[in-house]
Amino acid sequence: MVLLLLTGLPGVAGIVIFTWLALQDSAQLQRDYGYFTALIEQSSTIEALFVAEAQQNIYRLNLMRDGIFVFLSSILLAIGLHGATRRY
């Protein structure tokens, strides 16, 4: 029971929290990518394009980080469930 509380509960909490953060970063990435493509269509200056690309790359990295943390949290949950259901 202790193993389930120490690994299962943080695993579920991590999945929920990081999925919520990933959804927020995904929405922001869509907005920034739309802004970047609008700048391309307007033939803006190269400096404005660099800034817009940097802004969207920030959210690309954040989205990747959140996805990795969801995956690691699910591994933590699986370890807790396996340990809790294993018979000695």
C-alpha atoms as a PDB file:
ATOM      1  CA  MET A   1       0.000   0.000   0.000  1.00  0.00           C
ATOM      2  CA  VAL A   2       2.860   2.352   0.792  1.00  0.00           C
ATOM      3  CA  LEU A   3       4.412   1.696  -2.623  1.00  0.00           C
ATOM      4  CA  LEU A   4       1.154   2.590  -4.312  1.00  0.00           C
ATOM      5  CA  LEU A   5       0.922   5.836  -2.360  1.00  0.00           C
ATOM      6  CA  LEU A   6       4.553   6.791  -3.000  1.00  0.00           C
ATOM      7  CA  THR A   7       4.599   5.957  -6.718  1.00  0.00           C
ATOM      8  CA  GLY A   8       1.020   5.576  -7.938  1.00  0.00           C
ATOM      9  CA  LEU A   9      -0.407   8.800  -6.571  1.00  0.00           C
ATOM     10  CA  PRO A  10       2.462  11.012  -7.838  1.00  0.00           C
ATOM     11  CA  GLY A  11       2.254   9.181 -11.167  1.00  0.00           C
ATOM     12  CA  VAL A  12      -1.432  10.005 -11.595  1.00  0.00           C
ATOM     13  CA  ALA A  13      -0.874  13.582 -10.428  1.00  0.00           C
ATOM     14  CA  GLY A  14       2.003  13.996 -12.881  1.00  0.00           C
ATOM     15  CA  ILE A  15      -0.062  12.649 -15.776  1.00  0.00           C
ATOM     16  CA  VAL A  16      -2.908  15.045 -15.037  1.00  0.00           C
ATOM     17  CA  ILE A  17      -0.750  18.118 -14.421  1.00  0.00           C
ATOM     18  CA  PHE A  18       1.618  17.658 -17.348  1.00  0.00           C
ATOM     19  CA  THR A  19      -1.199  16.793 -19.752  1.00  0.00           C
ATOM     20  CA  TRP A  20      -2.951  20.016 -18.752  1.00  0.00           C
ATOM     21  CA  LEU A  21       0.282  21.971 -19.280  1.00  0.00           C
ATOM     22  CA  ALA A  22       0.829  20.269 -22.652  1.00  0.00           C
ATOM     23  CA  LEU A  23      -2.629  21.309 -23.803  1.00  0.00           C
ATOM     24  CA  GLN A  24      -1.904  24.912 -22.817  1.00  0.00           C
ATOM     25  CA  ASP A  25       1.448  24.879 -24.617  1.00  0.00           C
ATOM     26  CA  SER A  26      -0.157  23.326 -27.681  1.00  0.00           C
ATOM     27  CA  ALA A  27      -2.736  26.106 -27.870  1.00  0.00           C
ATOM     28  CA  GLN A  28      -0.033  28.761 -27.515  1.00  0.00           C
ATOM     29  CA  LEU A  29       2.087  27.033 -30.156  1.00  0.00           C
ATOM     30  CA  GLN A  30      -0.824  27.144 -32.591  1.00  0.00           C
ATOM     31  CA  ARG A  31      -1.238  30.893 -31.982  1.00  0.00           C
ATOM     32  CA  ASP A  32       2.476  31.587 -32.395  1.00  0.00           C
ATOM     33  CA  TYR A  33       2.703  29.437 -35.517  1.00  0.00           C
ATOM     34  CA  GLY A  34      -0.242  31.330 -37.001  1.00  0.00           C
ATOM     35  CA  TYR A  35       1.541  34.603 -36.279  1.00  0.00           C
ATOM     36  CA  PHE A  36       4.738  33.244 -37.851  1.00  0.00           C
ATOM     37  CA  THR A  37       2.961  32.156 -41.044  1.00  0.00           C
ATOM     38  CA  ALA A  38       1.186  35.524 -41.230  1.00  0.00           C
ATOM     39  CA  LEU A  39       4.569  37.258 -41.085  1.00  0.00           C
ATOM     40  CA  ILE A  40       5.843  35.052 -43.893  1.00  0.00           C
ATOM     41  CA  GLU A  41       2.862  35.955 -46.076  1.00  0.00           C
ATOM     42  CA  GLN A  42       3.391  39.671 -45.373  1.00  0.00           C
ATOM     43  CA  SER A  43       7.057  39.470 -46.423  1.00  0.00           C
ATOM     44  CA  SER A  44       8.216  40.945 -43.119  1.00  0.00           C
ATOM     45  CA  THR A  45      11.781  41.734 -42.192  1.00  0.00           C
ATOM     46  CA  ILE A  46      14.187  38.966 -41.304  1.00  0.00           C
ATOM     47  CA  GLU A  47      14.451  40.251 -37.722  1.00  0.00           C
ATOM     48  CA  ALA A  48      10.690  39.926 -37.199  1.00  0.00           C
ATOM     49  CA  LEU A  49      10.800  36.405 -38.620  1.00  0.00           C
ATOM     50  CA  PHE A  50      13.645  35.429 -36.281  1.00  0.00           C
ATOM     51  CA  VAL A  51      11.715  36.721 -33.256  1.00  0.00           C
ATOM     52  CA  ALA A  52       8.520  34.930 -34.308  1.00  0.00           C
ATOM     53  CA  GLU A  53      10.422  31.698 -34.928  1.00  0.00           C
ATOM     54  CA  ALA A  54      12.098  31.935 -31.525  1.00  0.00           C
ATOM     55  CA  GLN A  55       8.721  32.463 -29.850  1.00  0.00           C
ATOM     56  CA  GLN A  56       7.237  29.368 -31.433  1.00  0.00           C
ATOM     57  CA  ASN A  57      10.353  27.298 -30.695  1.00  0.00           C
ATOM     58  CA  ILE A  58       9.949  28.086 -27.002  1.00  0.00           C
ATOM     59  CA  TYR A  59       6.526  26.440 -27.006  1.00  0.00           C
ATOM     60  CA  ARG A  60       7.752  23.541 -29.143  1.00  0.00           C
ATOM     61  CA  LEU A  61      10.365  22.758 -26.493  1.00  0.00           C
ATOM     62  CA  ASN A  62       7.851  23.200 -23.668  1.00  0.00           C
ATOM     63  CA  LEU A  63       5.427  20.841 -25.404  1.00  0.00           C
ATOM     64  CA  MET A  64       8.163  18.241 -25.841  1.00  0.00           C
ATOM     65  CA  ARG A  65       9.149  18.571 -22.185  1.00  0.00           C
ATOM     66  CA  ASP A  66       5.544  18.148 -21.042  1.00  0.00           C
ATOM     67  CA  GLY A  67       5.142  15.064 -23.219  1.00  0.00           C
ATOM     68  CA  ILE A  68       8.288  13.517 -21.761  1.00  0.00           C
ATOM     69  CA  PHE A  69       7.074  14.215 -18.219  1.00  0.00           C
ATOM     70  CA  VAL A  70       3.686  12.616 -18.990  1.00  0.00           C
ATOM     71  CA  PHE A  71       5.546   9.550 -20.230  1.00  0.00           C
ATOM     72  CA  LEU A  72       7.788   9.428 -17.136  1.00  0.00           C
ATOM     73  CA  SER A  73       4.774   9.873 -14.842  1.00  0.00           C
ATOM     74  CA  SER A  74       3.023   6.970 -16.547  1.00  0.00           C
ATOM     75  CA  ILE A  75       6.119   4.812 -15.970  1.00  0.00           C
ATOM     76  CA  LEU A  76       6.048   5.805 -12.301  1.00  0.00           C
ATOM     77  CA  LEU A  77       2.368   4.853 -12.118  1.00  0.00           C
ATOM     78  CA  ALA A  78       3.062   1.510 -13.802  1.00  0.00           C
ATOM     79  CA  ILE A  79       5.818   0.743 -11.302  1.00  0.00           C
ATOM     80  CA  GLY A  80       3.461   1.522  -8.430  1.00  0.00           C
ATOM     81  CA  LEU A  81       0.644  -0.595  -9.830  1.00  0.00           C
ATOM     82  CA  HIS A  82       2.970  -3.475 -10.552  1.00  0.00           C
ATOM     83  CA  GLY A  83       4.435  -3.362  -7.056  1.00  0.00           C
ATOM     84  CA  ALA A  84       1.015  -3.077  -5.416  1.00  0.00           C
ATOM     85  CA  THR A  85      -0.471  -6.036  -7.296  1.00  0.00           C
ATOM     86  CA  ARG A  86       2.544  -8.345  -7.079  1.00  0.00           C
ATOM     87  CA  ARG A  87       2.191 -11.283  -4.692  1.00  0.00           C
ATOM     88  CA  TYR A  88       5.203 -12.465  -2.743  1.00  0.00           C
END
